[in-house]
Amino acid sequence: MKKYLGLFLLAGLCSSPLLAEDYIVFSCFTAKGKQIALIESEGYYEYSFGKPGKPELVFKNKIVDVEARSEKWNGVGSYWEAYNLKNGQYYYVVYKSENRVSDEHAFSGGVTVSKGDKEIATVSCERF
């Protein structure tokens, strides 16, 4: 009986769901050394902006909501992605692109912040 109990306990452990690991969707640093990051974790995208380890702003949106508002294009010579997140009345569009035609495969990216139809700020990445 003890042998079977051990097998049932082991089977229960093996079938338990594992926690999903965080996935870095986007991360870069601005000219002022601040980090723009977008992390995918357990059904959410988490946006953060600020000094590494001490962000000034952090918020989450459900992945399904972000993807409904976002755009992606993967062409022959380049690709771009724009993740449209919402925080209160503000929209944060985290964008990234790569030129695959050039030898250096130039990357660009950053975040554009708007309120309604008015663009408030654009912060570009200096290094990825």
N, C-alpha and C. Protein backbone atom coordinates (compact mmCIF):
# COMPACT_ATOMS: atom_id res chain seq x y z
N MET A 1 0.82 -1.20 0.00
CA MET A 1 0.00 0.00 0.00
C MET A 1 0.87 1.26 0.00
N LYS A 2 1.94 1.25 0.82
CA LYS A 2 2.83 2.40 0.88
C LYS A 2 3.47 2.67 -0.48
N LYS A 3 3.76 1.59 -1.20
CA LYS A 3 4.37 1.72 -2.52
C LYS A 3 3.43 2.49 -3.46
N TYR A 4 2.14 2.15 -3.43
CA TYR A 4 1.16 2.81 -4.31
C TYR A 4 0.93 4.26 -3.90
N LEU A 5 0.93 4.51 -2.59
CA LEU A 5 0.74 5.88 -2.10
C LEU A 5 1.88 6.77 -2.61
N GLY A 6 3.10 6.24 -2.58
CA GLY A 6 4.25 6.99 -3.08
C GLY A 6 4.13 7.28 -4.57
N LEU A 7 3.63 6.33 -5.34
CA LEU A 7 3.44 6.54 -6.77
C LEU A 7 2.39 7.61 -7.04
N PHE A 8 1.29 7.61 -6.27
CA PHE A 8 0.25 8.62 -6.45
C PHE A 8 0.77 10.02 -6.10
N LEU A 9 1.56 10.11 -5.04
CA LEU A 9 2.13 11.41 -4.66
C LEU A 9 3.09 11.90 -5.73
N LEU A 10 3.93 11.02 -6.27
CA LEU A 10 4.87 11.39 -7.31
C LEU A 10 4.13 11.82 -8.58
N ALA A 11 3.09 11.11 -8.94
CA ALA A 11 2.29 11.47 -10.12
C ALA A 11 1.66 12.85 -9.93
N GLY A 12 1.20 13.15 -8.73
CA GLY A 12 0.61 14.46 -8.45
C GLY A 12 1.62 15.58 -8.59
N LEU A 13 2.84 15.35 -8.14
CA LEU A 13 3.88 16.37 -8.27
C LEU A 13 4.24 16.61 -9.73
N CYS A 14 4.32 15.54 -10.50
CA CYS A 14 4.71 15.66 -11.90
C CYS A 14 3.65 16.35 -12.74
N SER A 15 2.39 16.27 -12.33
CA SER A 15 1.34 16.89 -13.12
C SER A 15 1.00 18.30 -12.67
N SER A 16 1.65 18.80 -11.62
CA SER A 16 1.39 20.17 -11.15
C SER A 16 1.90 21.17 -12.17
N PRO A 17 1.15 22.25 -12.40
CA PRO A 17 1.62 23.25 -13.36
C PRO A 17 2.86 23.97 -12.84
N LEU A 18 3.79 24.20 -13.72
CA LEU A 18 4.99 24.97 -13.36
C LEU A 18 4.71 26.44 -13.57
N LEU A 19 5.31 27.27 -12.78
CA LEU A 19 5.15 28.71 -12.96
C LEU A 19 5.85 29.14 -14.24
N ALA A 20 5.20 29.96 -15.00
CA ALA A 20 5.80 30.46 -16.25
C ALA A 20 6.93 31.42 -15.91
N GLU A 21 8.01 31.32 -16.65
CA GLU A 21 9.11 32.25 -16.45
C GLU A 21 8.82 33.55 -17.17
N ASP A 22 9.35 34.62 -16.65
CA ASP A 22 9.20 35.91 -17.31
C ASP A 22 9.95 35.89 -18.64
N TYR A 23 9.39 36.57 -19.62
CA TYR A 23 10.01 36.66 -20.94
C TYR A 23 10.22 38.14 -21.27
N ILE A 24 11.44 38.51 -21.58
CA ILE A 24 11.75 39.90 -21.93
C ILE A 24 11.34 40.13 -23.38
N VAL A 25 10.30 40.92 -23.58
CA VAL A 25 9.82 41.25 -24.91
C VAL A 25 10.67 42.37 -25.49
N PHE A 26 11.03 43.33 -24.63
CA PHE A 26 11.77 44.51 -25.08
C PHE A 26 12.52 45.09 -23.89
N SER A 27 13.75 45.51 -24.13
CA SER A 27 14.52 46.18 -23.10
C SER A 27 15.61 47.01 -23.77
N CYS A 28 15.73 48.26 -23.33
CA CYS A 28 16.79 49.12 -23.85
C CYS A 28 17.09 50.22 -22.83
N PHE A 29 18.13 51.00 -23.12
CA PHE A 29 18.51 52.10 -22.26
C PHE A 29 18.48 53.41 -23.04
N THR A 30 18.02 54.46 -22.38
CA THR A 30 17.94 55.78 -22.99
C THR A 30 19.28 56.49 -22.86
N ALA A 31 19.38 57.67 -23.46
CA ALA A 31 20.60 58.47 -23.37
C ALA A 31 20.91 58.87 -21.92
N LYS A 32 19.88 58.95 -21.08
CA LYS A 32 20.06 59.31 -19.66
C LYS A 32 20.24 58.10 -18.76
N GLY A 33 20.41 56.91 -19.36
CA GLY A 33 20.66 55.71 -18.58
C GLY A 33 19.43 55.06 -17.98
N LYS A 34 18.25 55.50 -18.38
CA LYS A 34 17.02 54.89 -17.88
C LYS A 34 16.65 53.70 -18.76
N GLN A 35 16.01 52.74 -18.14
CA GLN A 35 15.64 51.52 -18.85
C GLN A 35 14.16 51.54 -19.22
N ILE A 36 13.88 51.18 -20.47
CA ILE A 36 12.52 50.93 -20.93
C ILE A 36 12.42 49.42 -21.05
N ALA A 37 11.44 48.81 -20.37
CA ALA A 37 11.33 47.36 -20.42
C ALA A 37 9.88 46.93 -20.56
N LEU A 38 9.69 45.86 -21.31
CA LEU A 38 8.38 45.23 -21.45
C LEU A 38 8.59 43.74 -21.23
N ILE A 39 7.95 43.22 -20.18
CA ILE A 39 8.12 41.84 -19.77
C ILE A 39 6.79 41.11 -19.89
N GLU A 40 6.83 39.90 -20.41
CA GLU A 40 5.63 39.05 -20.48
C GLU A 40 5.67 38.07 -19.32
N SER A 41 4.59 38.04 -18.53
CA SER A 41 4.55 37.15 -17.38
C SER A 41 3.12 36.79 -17.03
N GLU A 42 2.81 35.53 -17.06
CA GLU A 42 1.54 34.97 -16.59
C GLU A 42 0.32 35.72 -17.10
N GLY A 43 0.24 35.93 -18.41
CA GLY A 43 -0.94 36.54 -19.01
C GLY A 43 -0.93 38.05 -19.05
N TYR A 44 0.17 38.67 -18.64
CA TYR A 44 0.27 40.13 -18.61
C TYR A 44 1.54 40.60 -19.30
N TYR A 45 1.49 41.83 -19.81
CA TYR A 45 2.69 42.56 -20.18
C TYR A 45 2.92 43.57 -19.07
N GLU A 46 4.14 43.62 -18.55
CA GLU A 46 4.49 44.60 -17.53
C GLU A 46 5.45 45.61 -18.13
N TYR A 47 5.07 46.88 -18.10
CA TYR A 47 5.89 47.98 -18.60
C TYR A 47 6.60 48.62 -17.42
N SER A 48 7.87 48.94 -17.61
CA SER A 48 8.59 49.70 -16.58
C SER A 48 9.52 50.70 -17.25
N PHE A 49 9.71 51.83 -16.55
CA PHE A 49 10.58 52.89 -17.04
C PHE A 49 11.30 53.50 -15.85
N GLY A 50 12.61 53.67 -15.98
CA GLY A 50 13.38 54.32 -14.93
C GLY A 50 14.74 53.67 -14.77
N LYS A 51 15.42 54.05 -13.70
CA LYS A 51 16.74 53.50 -13.41
C LYS A 51 16.61 51.99 -13.17
N PRO A 52 17.57 51.21 -13.66
CA PRO A 52 17.52 49.76 -13.43
C PRO A 52 17.43 49.44 -11.93
N GLY A 53 16.47 48.62 -11.57
CA GLY A 53 16.27 48.25 -10.17
C GLY A 53 15.45 49.25 -9.38
N LYS A 54 15.24 50.46 -9.91
CA LYS A 54 14.44 51.49 -9.24
C LYS A 54 13.57 52.21 -10.26
N PRO A 55 12.63 51.50 -10.89
CA PRO A 55 11.81 52.15 -11.92
C PRO A 55 10.90 53.24 -11.35
N GLU A 56 10.69 54.28 -12.15
CA GLU A 56 9.79 55.37 -11.76
C GLU A 56 8.34 55.02 -12.02
N LEU A 57 8.12 54.15 -13.01
CA LEU A 57 6.76 53.79 -13.41
C LEU A 57 6.72 52.31 -13.76
N VAL A 58 5.74 51.61 -13.19
CA VAL A 58 5.52 50.20 -13.50
C VAL A 58 4.01 49.98 -13.54
N PHE A 59 3.53 49.32 -14.60
CA PHE A 59 2.12 48.94 -14.67
C PHE A 59 1.97 47.73 -15.58
N LYS A 60 0.82 47.06 -15.45
CA LYS A 60 0.55 45.84 -16.22
C LYS A 60 -0.73 46.00 -17.03
N ASN A 61 -0.75 45.31 -18.17
CA ASN A 61 -1.95 45.16 -19.01
C ASN A 61 -2.07 43.69 -19.37
N LYS A 62 -3.30 43.21 -19.53
CA LYS A 62 -3.50 41.85 -19.99
C LYS A 62 -2.97 41.72 -21.42
N ILE A 63 -2.31 40.62 -21.71
CA ILE A 63 -1.74 40.40 -23.04
C ILE A 63 -2.80 40.50 -24.12
N VAL A 64 -3.97 39.91 -23.89
CA VAL A 64 -5.02 39.94 -24.92
C VAL A 64 -5.46 41.36 -25.23
N ASP A 65 -5.50 42.23 -24.22
CA ASP A 65 -5.87 43.63 -24.44
C ASP A 65 -4.81 44.37 -25.24
N VAL A 66 -3.55 44.16 -24.89
CA VAL A 66 -2.44 44.83 -25.59
C VAL A 66 -2.39 44.37 -27.05
N GLU A 67 -2.49 43.09 -27.27
CA GLU A 67 -2.41 42.58 -28.64
C GLU A 67 -3.57 43.05 -29.51
N ALA A 68 -4.72 43.31 -28.91
CA ALA A 68 -5.86 43.83 -29.68
C ALA A 68 -5.60 45.26 -30.15
N ARG A 69 -4.76 46.01 -29.42
CA ARG A 69 -4.46 47.41 -29.76
C ARG A 69 -3.15 47.57 -30.51
N SER A 70 -2.38 46.51 -30.68
CA SER A 70 -1.00 46.60 -31.18
C SER A 70 -0.87 46.18 -32.64
N GLU A 71 0.31 46.51 -33.20
CA GLU A 71 0.60 46.18 -34.59
C GLU A 71 1.98 45.53 -34.70
N LYS A 72 2.09 44.61 -35.67
CA LYS A 72 3.38 43.97 -35.96
C LYS A 72 3.47 43.78 -37.46
N TRP A 73 4.69 43.87 -37.97
CA TRP A 73 4.92 43.63 -39.38
C TRP A 73 6.27 42.95 -39.52
N ASN A 74 6.29 41.84 -40.23
CA ASN A 74 7.53 41.09 -40.44
C ASN A 74 7.71 40.90 -41.94
N GLY A 75 8.42 41.84 -42.54
CA GLY A 75 8.64 41.80 -43.98
C GLY A 75 9.97 41.18 -44.34
N VAL A 76 10.29 41.23 -45.61
CA VAL A 76 11.52 40.63 -46.10
C VAL A 76 12.74 41.40 -45.62
N GLY A 77 12.72 42.73 -45.73
CA GLY A 77 13.89 43.52 -45.40
C GLY A 77 13.92 44.07 -43.99
N SER A 78 12.80 44.06 -43.31
CA SER A 78 12.77 44.61 -41.96
C SER A 78 11.54 44.10 -41.21
N TYR A 79 11.54 44.37 -39.91
CA TYR A 79 10.34 44.08 -39.13
C TYR A 79 10.15 45.23 -38.15
N TRP A 80 8.93 45.40 -37.68
CA TRP A 80 8.66 46.35 -36.61
C TRP A 80 7.50 45.84 -35.78
N GLU A 81 7.50 46.24 -34.53
CA GLU A 81 6.44 45.88 -33.59
C GLU A 81 6.12 47.11 -32.76
N ALA A 82 4.85 47.29 -32.47
CA ALA A 82 4.40 48.39 -31.62
C ALA A 82 3.40 47.82 -30.63
N TYR A 83 3.77 47.81 -29.35
CA TYR A 83 2.91 47.31 -28.28
C TYR A 83 2.21 48.50 -27.63
N ASN A 84 0.89 48.54 -27.71
CA ASN A 84 0.11 49.67 -27.23
C ASN A 84 -0.49 49.33 -25.87
N LEU A 85 0.10 49.92 -24.81
CA LEU A 85 -0.36 49.68 -23.45
C LEU A 85 -1.11 50.89 -22.92
N LYS A 86 -2.00 50.65 -21.97
CA LYS A 86 -2.81 51.73 -21.40
C LYS A 86 -2.59 51.80 -19.90
N ASN A 87 -2.42 53.03 -19.40
CA ASN A 87 -2.29 53.27 -17.97
C ASN A 87 -3.14 54.49 -17.64
N GLY A 88 -4.34 54.25 -17.13
CA GLY A 88 -5.27 55.35 -16.88
C GLY A 88 -5.68 55.98 -18.19
N GLN A 89 -5.48 57.30 -18.32
CA GLN A 89 -5.82 58.02 -19.54
C GLN A 89 -4.66 58.06 -20.54
N TYR A 90 -3.55 57.44 -20.20
CA TYR A 90 -2.35 57.52 -21.03
C TYR A 90 -2.11 56.22 -21.80
N TYR A 91 -1.58 56.38 -23.01
CA TYR A 91 -1.18 55.24 -23.83
C TYR A 91 0.33 55.28 -23.99
N TYR A 92 0.94 54.12 -23.86
CA TYR A 92 2.38 53.95 -24.01
C TYR A 92 2.60 52.97 -25.16
N VAL A 93 3.18 53.45 -26.24
CA VAL A 93 3.46 52.58 -27.38
C VAL A 93 4.95 52.26 -27.37
N VAL A 94 5.26 51.04 -27.01
CA VAL A 94 6.64 50.56 -27.01
C VAL A 94 6.89 50.00 -28.41
N TYR A 95 7.89 50.56 -29.09
CA TYR A 95 8.13 50.16 -30.48
C TYR A 95 9.58 49.70 -30.66
N LYS A 96 9.73 48.79 -31.61
CA LYS A 96 11.07 48.32 -31.97
C LYS A 96 11.06 47.89 -33.42
N SER A 97 12.21 48.05 -34.06
CA SER A 97 12.33 47.64 -35.46
C SER A 97 13.77 47.23 -35.74
N GLU A 98 13.93 46.48 -36.82
CA GLU A 98 15.25 46.07 -37.27
C GLU A 98 15.29 46.13 -38.78
N ASN A 99 16.34 46.76 -39.29
CA ASN A 99 16.58 46.79 -40.73
C ASN A 99 17.48 45.60 -41.05
N ARG A 100 16.92 44.58 -41.67
CA ARG A 100 17.68 43.36 -41.96
C ARG A 100 18.40 43.41 -43.30
N VAL A 101 18.22 44.50 -44.04
CA VAL A 101 18.88 44.63 -45.34
C VAL A 101 20.31 45.10 -45.16
N SER A 102 20.54 46.01 -44.23
CA SER A 102 21.88 46.55 -44.02
C SER A 102 22.77 45.50 -43.36
N ASP A 103 24.08 45.65 -43.55
CA ASP A 103 25.03 44.71 -42.96
C ASP A 103 25.02 44.75 -41.44
N GLU A 104 24.77 45.93 -40.87
CA GLU A 104 24.80 46.05 -39.41
C GLU A 104 23.47 45.72 -38.75
N HIS A 105 22.43 45.45 -39.54
CA HIS A 105 21.10 45.10 -39.00
C HIS A 105 20.68 46.09 -37.91
N ALA A 106 20.59 47.34 -38.27
CA ALA A 106 20.32 48.42 -37.33
C ALA A 106 18.99 48.22 -36.60
N PHE A 107 19.05 48.35 -35.28
CA PHE A 107 17.86 48.30 -34.42
C PHE A 107 17.46 49.72 -34.05
N SER A 108 16.19 49.93 -33.86
CA SER A 108 15.71 51.18 -33.26
C SER A 108 14.53 50.83 -32.38
N GLY A 109 14.25 51.71 -31.43
CA GLY A 109 13.14 51.46 -30.53
C GLY A 109 12.98 52.57 -29.53
N GLY A 110 11.94 52.45 -28.73
CA GLY A 110 11.66 53.44 -27.71
C GLY A 110 10.22 53.36 -27.27
N VAL A 111 9.73 54.46 -26.71
CA VAL A 111 8.35 54.53 -26.25
C VAL A 111 7.78 55.91 -26.58
N THR A 112 6.55 55.93 -27.03
CA THR A 112 5.82 57.17 -27.27
C THR A 112 4.65 57.20 -26.30
N VAL A 113 4.50 58.32 -25.59
CA VAL A 113 3.43 58.47 -24.61
C VAL A 113 2.43 59.49 -25.14
N SER A 114 1.15 59.14 -25.05
CA SER A 114 0.11 60.07 -25.49
C SER A 114 -1.06 60.04 -24.53
N LYS A 115 -1.82 61.13 -24.57
CA LYS A 115 -3.06 61.24 -23.80
C LYS A 115 -4.13 61.65 -24.80
N GLY A 116 -5.07 60.75 -25.04
CA GLY A 116 -6.03 61.00 -26.11
C GLY A 116 -5.31 61.00 -27.44
N ASP A 117 -5.54 62.03 -28.24
CA ASP A 117 -4.87 62.15 -29.54
C ASP A 117 -3.59 62.97 -29.47
N LYS A 118 -3.23 63.44 -28.28
CA LYS A 118 -2.07 64.32 -28.13
C LYS A 118 -0.84 63.54 -27.67
N GLU A 119 0.22 63.60 -28.49
CA GLU A 119 1.49 62.98 -28.13
C GLU A 119 2.18 63.85 -27.09
N ILE A 120 2.57 63.24 -25.98
CA ILE A 120 3.19 63.98 -24.88
C ILE A 120 4.71 63.87 -24.91
N ALA A 121 5.21 62.67 -25.20
CA ALA A 121 6.66 62.46 -25.19
C ALA A 121 7.04 61.25 -26.02
N THR A 122 8.24 61.31 -26.56
CA THR A 122 8.86 60.15 -27.21
C THR A 122 10.26 60.02 -26.64
N VAL A 123 10.56 58.84 -26.16
CA VAL A 123 11.89 58.56 -25.61
C VAL A 123 12.49 57.44 -26.45
N SER A 124 13.64 57.75 -27.07
CA SER A 124 14.30 56.77 -27.93
C SER A 124 15.37 56.00 -27.19
N CYS A 125 15.65 54.83 -27.67
CA CYS A 125 16.70 53.98 -27.09
C CYS A 125 18.05 54.38 -27.66
N GLU A 126 19.06 54.35 -26.82
CA GLU A 126 20.44 54.59 -27.25
C GLU A 126 21.19 53.27 -27.40
N ARG A 127 20.88 52.32 -26.53
CA ARG A 127 21.53 51.02 -26.61
C ARG A 127 20.58 49.92 -26.14
N PHE A 128 20.77 48.75 -26.75
CA PHE A 128 19.89 47.61 -26.45
C PHE A 128 20.61 46.56 -25.65
